């Protein structure tokens, strides 16, 4: 039986996730009216751009790598299901979603969901890449966690401003 995904395909999904993240954050940065939100969204877009390069580097190192027999077709089917539910694996979705947001709070909430989904996906990806790439995946997960904290803090800040003004 053939695997549903190869490792290189999983990493390419990671690249697509980061591209859509970059597009999403760049677009909402341009659309944002709040200076602080605009700065954070642009910072996150720049971070996603760096992550694309990290994944490309990992991809070049795993082209011929196959995980141990531990990974069954069912596991790859799980990853496929996970990625299909994750909207940012679909090409051009970042811009499309960003153009539909009503305000910064909604954009932040989408960003929070994206970061959570990325953490879950990368935790699973770590099980598939060669051991020498684990530190890179851990670093990406840490950065996604940092982005999650930044977005949560921004959301609290903007909500309190609107509460104070309203």
C-alpha atoms as a PDB file:
ATOM      1  CA  UNK A   1       0.000   0.000   0.000  1.00  0.00           C
ATOM      2  CA  UNK A   2       1.163   3.505  -0.722  1.00  0.00           C
ATOM      3  CA  UNK A   3       1.371   6.291   1.831  1.00  0.00           C
ATOM      4  CA  UNK A   4      -1.148   9.080   1.489  1.00  0.00           C
ATOM      5  CA  UNK A   5       1.649  11.623   1.955  1.00  0.00           C
ATOM      6  CA  UNK A   6       5.395  11.589   1.610  1.00  0.00           C
ATOM      7  CA  UNK A   7       7.503  13.605   4.026  1.00  0.00           C
ATOM      8  CA  UNK A   8       8.366  16.076   1.284  1.00  0.00           C
ATOM      9  CA  UNK A   9       4.626  16.587   0.682  1.00  0.00           C
ATOM     10  CA  UNK A  10       4.065  17.265   4.391  1.00  0.00           C
ATOM     11  CA  UNK A  11       6.869  19.833   4.349  1.00  0.00           C
ATOM     12  CA  UNK A  12       5.430  21.391   1.198  1.00  0.00           C
ATOM     13  CA  UNK A  13       2.154  21.745   3.107  1.00  0.00           C
ATOM     14  CA  UNK A  14       4.149  23.567   5.794  1.00  0.00           C
ATOM     15  CA  UNK A  15       5.503  25.898   3.109  1.00  0.00           C
ATOM     16  CA  UNK A  16       1.965  26.545   1.819  1.00  0.00           C
ATOM     17  CA  UNK A  17       0.733  27.244   5.361  1.00  0.00           C
ATOM     18  CA  UNK A  18       3.506  29.798   5.833  1.00  0.00           C
ATOM     19  CA  UNK A  19       2.847  31.411   2.428  1.00  0.00           C
ATOM     20  CA  UNK A  20      -0.830  31.801   3.256  1.00  0.00           C
ATOM     21  CA  UNK A  21       0.078  33.120   6.703  1.00  0.00           C
ATOM     22  CA  UNK A  22       2.404  35.690   5.134  1.00  0.00           C
ATOM     23  CA  UNK A  23      -0.276  36.735   2.629  1.00  0.00           C
ATOM     24  CA  UNK A  24      -2.934  36.927   5.359  1.00  0.00           C
ATOM     25  CA  UNK A  25      -0.824  39.019   7.734  1.00  0.00           C
ATOM     26  CA  UNK A  26       0.471  41.303   4.952  1.00  0.00           C
ATOM     27  CA  UNK A  27      -3.048  41.960   3.710  1.00  0.00           C
ATOM     28  CA  UNK A  28      -4.537  42.660   7.144  1.00  0.00           C
ATOM     29  CA  UNK A  29      -1.545  44.903   7.942  1.00  0.00           C
ATOM     30  CA  UNK A  30      -2.422  47.002   4.894  1.00  0.00           C
ATOM     31  CA  UNK A  31      -6.129  47.061   5.805  1.00  0.00           C
ATOM     32  CA  UNK A  32      -5.659  47.750   9.519  1.00  0.00           C
ATOM     33  CA  UNK A  33      -6.524  51.170  10.933  1.00  0.00           C
ATOM     34  CA  UNK A  34      -4.777  50.640  14.290  1.00  0.00           C
ATOM     35  CA  UNK A  35      -1.036  51.422  14.177  1.00  0.00           C
ATOM     36  CA  UNK A  36      -0.104  48.783  16.756  1.00  0.00           C
ATOM     37  CA  UNK A  37      -2.124  46.128  14.946  1.00  0.00           C
ATOM     38  CA  UNK A  38      -0.589  47.168  11.615  1.00  0.00           C
ATOM     39  CA  UNK A  39       2.939  46.795  13.082  1.00  0.00           C
ATOM     40  CA  UNK A  40       2.252  43.400  14.648  1.00  0.00           C
ATOM     41  CA  UNK A  41       0.596  42.037  11.510  1.00  0.00           C
ATOM     42  CA  UNK A  42       3.536  43.199   9.379  1.00  0.00           C
ATOM     43  CA  UNK A  43       5.986  41.676  11.875  1.00  0.00           C
ATOM     44  CA  UNK A  44       4.090  38.370  11.672  1.00  0.00           C
ATOM     45  CA  UNK A  45       4.139  38.511   7.851  1.00  0.00           C
ATOM     46  CA  UNK A  46       7.925  38.978   7.968  1.00  0.00           C
ATOM     47  CA  UNK A  47       8.244  36.026  10.357  1.00  0.00           C
ATOM     48  CA  UNK A  48       6.187  33.795   8.070  1.00  0.00           C
ATOM     49  CA  UNK A  49       8.483  34.737   5.180  1.00  0.00           C
ATOM     50  CA  UNK A  50      11.471  33.516   7.229  1.00  0.00           C
ATOM     51  CA  UNK A  51       9.631  30.280   8.024  1.00  0.00           C
ATOM     52  CA  UNK A  52       9.160  29.620   4.302  1.00  0.00           C
ATOM     53  CA  UNK A  53      12.931  29.646   3.872  1.00  0.00           C
ATOM     54  CA  UNK A  54      13.390  27.338   6.871  1.00  0.00           C
ATOM     55  CA  UNK A  55      10.963  24.828   5.385  1.00  0.00           C
ATOM     56  CA  UNK A  56      12.630  25.031   1.977  1.00  0.00           C
ATOM     57  CA  UNK A  57      15.928  24.209   3.666  1.00  0.00           C
ATOM     58  CA  UNK A  58      14.368  21.254   5.504  1.00  0.00           C
ATOM     59  CA  UNK A  59      12.814  20.085   2.239  1.00  0.00           C
ATOM     60  CA  UNK A  60      16.196  20.037   0.523  1.00  0.00           C
ATOM     61  CA  UNK A  61      17.482  17.768   3.314  1.00  0.00           C
ATOM     62  CA  UNK A  62      14.616  15.259   3.295  1.00  0.00           C
ATOM     63  CA  UNK A  63      13.933  14.707  -0.405  1.00  0.00           C
ATOM     64  CA  UNK A  64      15.124  11.099  -0.211  1.00  0.00           C
ATOM     65  CA  UNK A  65      14.354  10.457   3.456  1.00  0.00           C
ATOM     66  CA  UNK A  66      11.698   7.929   4.387  1.00  0.00           C
ATOM     67  CA  UNK A  67      10.505   7.589   7.985  1.00  0.00           C
ATOM     68  CA  UNK A  68      10.850   4.296   9.797  1.00  0.00           C
ATOM     69  CA  UNK A  69       8.139   1.662   9.416  1.00  0.00           C
ATOM     70  CA  UNK A  70       6.482   3.151  12.482  1.00  0.00           C
ATOM     71  CA  UNK A  71       4.364   5.404  10.270  1.00  0.00           C
ATOM     72  CA  UNK A  72       1.467   3.532   8.776  1.00  0.00           C
ATOM     73  CA  UNK A  73      -0.928   4.486   6.070  1.00  0.00           C
ATOM     74  CA  UNK A  74      -3.428   5.381   8.804  1.00  0.00           C
ATOM     75  CA  UNK A  75      -1.025   7.959  10.225  1.00  0.00           C
ATOM     76  CA  UNK A  76      -0.541   9.590   6.848  1.00  0.00           C
ATOM     77  CA  UNK A  77      -4.322   9.514   6.355  1.00  0.00           C
ATOM     78  CA  UNK A  78      -4.615  11.354   9.694  1.00  0.00           C
ATOM     79  CA  UNK A  79      -2.183  14.014   8.470  1.00  0.00           C
ATOM     80  CA  UNK A  80      -4.113  14.336   5.227  1.00  0.00           C
ATOM     81  CA  UNK A  81      -7.365  14.815   7.165  1.00  0.00           C
ATOM     82  CA  UNK A  82      -5.658  17.338   9.446  1.00  0.00           C
ATOM     83  CA  UNK A  83      -4.324  19.311   6.494  1.00  0.00           C
ATOM     84  CA  UNK A  84      -7.622  19.236   4.614  1.00  0.00           C
ATOM     85  CA  UNK A  85      -9.377  20.761   7.628  1.00  0.00           C
ATOM     86  CA  UNK A  86      -6.666  23.399   7.880  1.00  0.00           C
ATOM     87  CA  UNK A  87      -7.775  26.173   5.560  1.00  0.00           C
ATOM     88  CA  UNK A  88      -4.296  27.653   5.147  1.00  0.00           C
ATOM     89  CA  UNK A  89      -3.054  24.615   3.212  1.00  0.00           C
ATOM     90  CA  UNK A  90      -5.153  25.767   0.258  1.00  0.00           C
ATOM     91  CA  UNK A  91      -3.413  28.062  -2.203  1.00  0.00           C
ATOM     92  CA  UNK A  92      -4.297  31.802  -2.115  1.00  0.00           C
ATOM     93  CA  UNK A  93      -6.507  31.373   0.982  1.00  0.00           C
ATOM     94  CA  UNK A  94      -4.542  33.879   3.063  1.00  0.00           C
ATOM     95  CA  UNK A  95      -5.419  36.861   0.892  1.00  0.00           C
ATOM     96  CA  UNK A  96      -8.977  35.657   0.315  1.00  0.00           C
ATOM     97  CA  UNK A  97      -9.681  35.367   4.039  1.00  0.00           C
ATOM     98  CA  UNK A  98      -7.926  38.639   4.899  1.00  0.00           C
ATOM     99  CA  UNK A  99     -10.043  40.576   2.409  1.00  0.00           C
ATOM    100  CA  UNK A 100     -13.213  39.379   4.145  1.00  0.00           C
ATOM    101  CA  UNK A 101     -12.332  40.398   7.718  1.00  0.00           C
ATOM    102  CA  UNK A 102     -14.519  43.091   9.267  1.00  0.00           C
ATOM    103  CA  UNK A 103     -12.017  44.526  11.743  1.00  0.00           C
ATOM    104  CA  UNK A 104      -8.738  43.994  13.575  1.00  0.00           C
ATOM    105  CA  UNK A 105     -10.349  41.846  16.282  1.00  0.00           C
ATOM    106  CA  UNK A 106     -11.667  39.364  13.709  1.00  0.00           C
ATOM    107  CA  UNK A 107      -8.260  39.323  11.967  1.00  0.00           C
ATOM    108  CA  UNK A 108      -6.575  38.644  15.309  1.00  0.00           C
ATOM    109  CA  UNK A 109      -9.014  35.818  16.076  1.00  0.00           C
ATOM    110  CA  UNK A 110      -8.304  34.237  12.688  1.00  0.00           C
ATOM    111  CA  UNK A 111      -4.573  34.674  13.324  1.00  0.00           C
ATOM    112  CA  UNK A 112      -4.922  32.975  16.713  1.00  0.00           C
ATOM    113  CA  UNK A 113      -6.693  30.013  15.105  1.00  0.00           C
ATOM    114  CA  UNK A 114      -4.032  29.833  12.383  1.00  0.00           C
ATOM    115  CA  UNK A 115      -1.212  29.811  14.929  1.00  0.00           C
ATOM    116  CA  UNK A 116      -2.918  27.081  16.990  1.00  0.00           C
ATOM    117  CA  UNK A 117      -3.456  24.956  13.877  1.00  0.00           C
ATOM    118  CA  UNK A 118       0.159  25.503  12.826  1.00  0.00           C
ATOM    119  CA  UNK A 119       1.423  24.341  16.216  1.00  0.00           C
ATOM    120  CA  UNK A 120      -0.667  21.174  15.966  1.00  0.00           C
ATOM    121  CA  UNK A 121       0.463  20.495  12.402  1.00  0.00           C
ATOM    122  CA  UNK A 122       4.154  21.094  13.175  1.00  0.00           C
ATOM    123  CA  UNK A 123       3.974  18.875  16.267  1.00  0.00           C
ATOM    124  CA  UNK A 124       2.838  16.079  13.977  1.00  0.00           C
ATOM    125  CA  UNK A 125       5.387  16.996  11.309  1.00  0.00           C
ATOM    126  CA  UNK A 126       8.189  16.609  13.856  1.00  0.00           C
ATOM    127  CA  UNK A 127       7.431  12.887  14.004  1.00  0.00           C
ATOM    128  CA  UNK A 128       8.169  12.537  10.296  1.00  0.00           C
ATOM    129  CA  UNK A 129      11.351  14.484   9.690  1.00  0.00           C
ATOM    130  CA  UNK A 130      14.857  13.154  10.340  1.00  0.00           C
ATOM    131  CA  UNK A 131      16.053  13.529  13.922  1.00  0.00           C
ATOM    132  CA  UNK A 132      18.626  16.145  12.879  1.00  0.00           C
ATOM    133  CA  UNK A 133      15.736  18.422  11.775  1.00  0.00           C
ATOM    134  CA  UNK A 134      13.784  18.175  15.061  1.00  0.00           C
ATOM    135  CA  UNK A 135      15.443  21.260  16.567  1.00  0.00           C
ATOM    136  CA  UNK A 136      14.344  23.301  13.553  1.00  0.00           C
ATOM    137  CA  UNK A 137      10.740  22.125  13.938  1.00  0.00           C
ATOM    138  CA  UNK A 138      10.859  22.843  17.700  1.00  0.00           C
ATOM    139  CA  UNK A 139      12.112  26.347  16.937  1.00  0.00           C
ATOM    140  CA  UNK A 140       9.247  26.915  14.487  1.00  0.00           C
ATOM    141  CA  UNK A 141       6.761  25.702  17.089  1.00  0.00           C
ATOM    142  CA  UNK A 142       8.256  28.095  19.652  1.00  0.00           C
ATOM    143  CA  UNK A 143       7.916  30.963  17.190  1.00  0.00           C
ATOM    144  CA  UNK A 144       4.297  30.060  16.462  1.00  0.00           C
ATOM    145  CA  UNK A 145       3.661  30.000  20.228  1.00  0.00           C
ATOM    146  CA  UNK A 146       5.244  33.448  20.479  1.00  0.00           C
ATOM    147  CA  UNK A 147       2.986  34.689  17.666  1.00  0.00           C
ATOM    148  CA  UNK A 148      -0.011  33.256  19.520  1.00  0.00           C
ATOM    149  CA  UNK A 149       0.975  35.225  22.659  1.00  0.00           C
ATOM    150  CA  UNK A 150       1.506  38.423  20.651  1.00  0.00           C
ATOM    151  CA  UNK A 151      -1.903  38.115  19.015  1.00  0.00           C
ATOM    152  CA  UNK A 152      -3.605  37.361  22.337  1.00  0.00           C
ATOM    153  CA  UNK A 153      -2.007  40.423  23.930  1.00  0.00           C
ATOM    154  CA  UNK A 154      -2.988  42.590  20.963  1.00  0.00           C
ATOM    155  CA  UNK A 155      -6.576  41.328  21.159  1.00  0.00           C
ATOM    156  CA  UNK A 156      -6.785  42.177  24.882  1.00  0.00           C
ATOM    157  CA  UNK A 157      -5.301  45.602  24.228  1.00  0.00           C
ATOM    158  CA  UNK A 158      -7.674  46.459  21.385  1.00  0.00           C
ATOM    159  CA  UNK A 159     -10.729  45.150  23.245  1.00  0.00           C
ATOM    160  CA  UNK A 160      -9.867  47.259  26.304  1.00  0.00           C
ATOM    161  CA  UNK A 161      -9.402  50.342  24.101  1.00  0.00           C
ATOM    162  CA  UNK A 162     -12.789  49.851  22.473  1.00  0.00           C
ATOM    163  CA  UNK A 163     -14.341  49.220  25.907  1.00  0.00           C
ATOM    164  CA  UNK A 164     -12.765  52.408  27.287  1.00  0.00           C
ATOM    165  CA  UNK A 165     -13.954  54.404  24.270  1.00  0.00           C
ATOM    166  CA  UNK A 166     -17.384  52.867  24.039  1.00  0.00           C
END
